[in-house]
Amino acid sequence: MKHTYWVILFPAGIKVQLTKDKYEVAVKADADVTVKIPQGDYKITGNKRVFSLGVNSFLIADCKIQPK
């Protein structure tokens, strides 16, 4: 079974699948990561929580939409 990596962005409430490499960078305390999706670019700003359920790893983090 394939392992998947997710980030849930708050307050936007958006769930996005990440690559393993991007996930591993995003979970670091001092990481500067921007998630690019069709709705816009969201910068992870902090307050990170990490957990796993089976083959799924989740990062729940605060974010701020970046101006276009």
C-alpha atoms as a PDB file:
ATOM      1  CA  MET A   1       0.000   0.000   0.000  1.00  0.00           C
ATOM      2  CA  LYS A   2       1.320   3.464  -0.957  1.00  0.00           C
ATOM      3  CA  HIS A   3       2.087   5.980   1.785  1.00  0.00           C
ATOM      4  CA  THR A   4       0.525   9.418   1.277  1.00  0.00           C
ATOM      5  CA  TYR A   5       1.400  12.796   2.762  1.00  0.00           C
ATOM      6  CA  TRP A   6      -1.145  15.543   3.386  1.00  0.00           C
ATOM      7  CA  VAL A   7      -1.247  19.095   4.679  1.00  0.00           C
ATOM      8  CA  ILE A   8      -4.435  20.640   6.020  1.00  0.00           C
ATOM      9  CA  LEU A   9      -4.254  24.427   5.832  1.00  0.00           C
ATOM     10  CA  PHE A  10      -6.085  26.563   8.401  1.00  0.00           C
ATOM     11  CA  PRO A  11      -8.036  28.789   8.451  1.00  0.00           C
ATOM     12  CA  ALA A  12      -8.618  27.962   4.769  1.00  0.00           C
ATOM     13  CA  GLY A  13      -9.687  24.374   5.578  1.00  0.00           C
ATOM     14  CA  ILE A  14      -7.990  23.017   2.446  1.00  0.00           C
ATOM     15  CA  LYS A  15      -6.460  19.517   2.291  1.00  0.00           C
ATOM     16  CA  VAL A  16      -3.586  19.090  -0.172  1.00  0.00           C
ATOM     17  CA  GLN A  17      -1.499  16.024  -0.971  1.00  0.00           C
ATOM     18  CA  LEU A  18       2.260  16.658  -0.847  1.00  0.00           C
ATOM     19  CA  THR A  19       5.267  14.747  -2.079  1.00  0.00           C
ATOM     20  CA  LYS A  20       7.313  13.017   0.606  1.00  0.00           C
ATOM     21  CA  ASP A  21      10.191  15.493   0.151  1.00  0.00           C
ATOM     22  CA  LYS A  22       7.978  18.588   0.491  1.00  0.00           C
ATOM     23  CA  TYR A  23       6.176  17.054   3.506  1.00  0.00           C
ATOM     24  CA  GLU A  24       9.470  16.354   5.288  1.00  0.00           C
ATOM     25  CA  VAL A  25      10.558  19.972   4.807  1.00  0.00           C
ATOM     26  CA  ALA A  26       7.152  21.359   5.841  1.00  0.00           C
ATOM     27  CA  VAL A  27       7.071  19.535   9.201  1.00  0.00           C
ATOM     28  CA  LYS A  28      10.355  21.102  10.352  1.00  0.00           C
ATOM     29  CA  ALA A  29       9.866  23.851  12.919  1.00  0.00           C
ATOM     30  CA  ASP A  30      11.684  26.580  10.996  1.00  0.00           C
ATOM     31  CA  ALA A  31      10.605  25.548   7.487  1.00  0.00           C
ATOM     32  CA  ASP A  32       9.572  28.171   4.939  1.00  0.00           C
ATOM     33  CA  VAL A  33       7.123  26.328   2.675  1.00  0.00           C
ATOM     34  CA  THR A  34       4.519  27.640   0.248  1.00  0.00           C
ATOM     35  CA  VAL A  35       1.844  25.270  -1.066  1.00  0.00           C
ATOM     36  CA  LYS A  36       0.713  26.163  -4.593  1.00  0.00           C
ATOM     37  CA  ILE A  37      -2.811  25.113  -5.562  1.00  0.00           C
ATOM     38  CA  PRO A  38      -5.348  26.420  -8.099  1.00  0.00           C
ATOM     39  CA  GLN A  39      -7.101  28.498  -5.404  1.00  0.00           C
ATOM     40  CA  GLY A  40      -3.854  30.392  -4.698  1.00  0.00           C
ATOM     41  CA  ASP A  41      -0.519  30.099  -2.950  1.00  0.00           C
ATOM     42  CA  TYR A  42      -0.578  29.445   0.798  1.00  0.00           C
ATOM     43  CA  LYS A  43       2.462  29.987   3.011  1.00  0.00           C
ATOM     44  CA  ILE A  44       2.662  27.747   6.069  1.00  0.00           C
ATOM     45  CA  THR A  45       3.119  30.129   8.990  1.00  0.00           C
ATOM     46  CA  GLY A  46       3.345  27.845  12.003  1.00  0.00           C
ATOM     47  CA  ASN A  47       1.319  26.192  14.755  1.00  0.00           C
ATOM     48  CA  LYS A  48       2.037  22.790  13.220  1.00  0.00           C
ATOM     49  CA  ARG A  49       0.539  19.510  14.379  1.00  0.00           C
ATOM     50  CA  VAL A  50       1.618  16.167  12.908  1.00  0.00           C
ATOM     51  CA  PHE A  51      -0.110  12.790  13.090  1.00  0.00           C
ATOM     52  CA  SER A  52      -0.433   9.542  11.148  1.00  0.00           C
ATOM     53  CA  LEU A  53      -3.354   7.257  10.391  1.00  0.00           C
ATOM     54  CA  GLY A  54      -2.266   4.001   8.800  1.00  0.00           C
ATOM     55  CA  VAL A  55      -0.420   4.849   5.584  1.00  0.00           C
ATOM     56  CA  ASN A  56      -1.423   8.530   5.709  1.00  0.00           C
ATOM     57  CA  SER A  57       0.723  11.223   7.328  1.00  0.00           C
ATOM     58  CA  PHE A  58      -0.926  14.561   8.099  1.00  0.00           C
ATOM     59  CA  LEU A  59       0.410  18.011   8.854  1.00  0.00           C
ATOM     60  CA  ILE A  60      -2.127  20.495  10.170  1.00  0.00           C
ATOM     61  CA  ALA A  61      -0.744  24.023   9.982  1.00  0.00           C
ATOM     62  CA  ASP A  62      -1.734  27.648  10.032  1.00  0.00           C
ATOM     63  CA  CYS A  63      -1.300  29.416   6.731  1.00  0.00           C
ATOM     64  CA  LYS A  64      -1.572  32.775   5.045  1.00  0.00           C
ATOM     65  CA  ILE A  65      -2.663  33.280   1.446  1.00  0.00           C
ATOM     66  CA  GLN A  66       0.013  34.976  -0.612  1.00  0.00           C
ATOM     67  CA  PRO A  67      -0.873  37.938  -2.817  1.00  0.00           C
ATOM     68  CA  LYS A  68      -0.822  37.261  -6.555  1.00  0.00           C
END
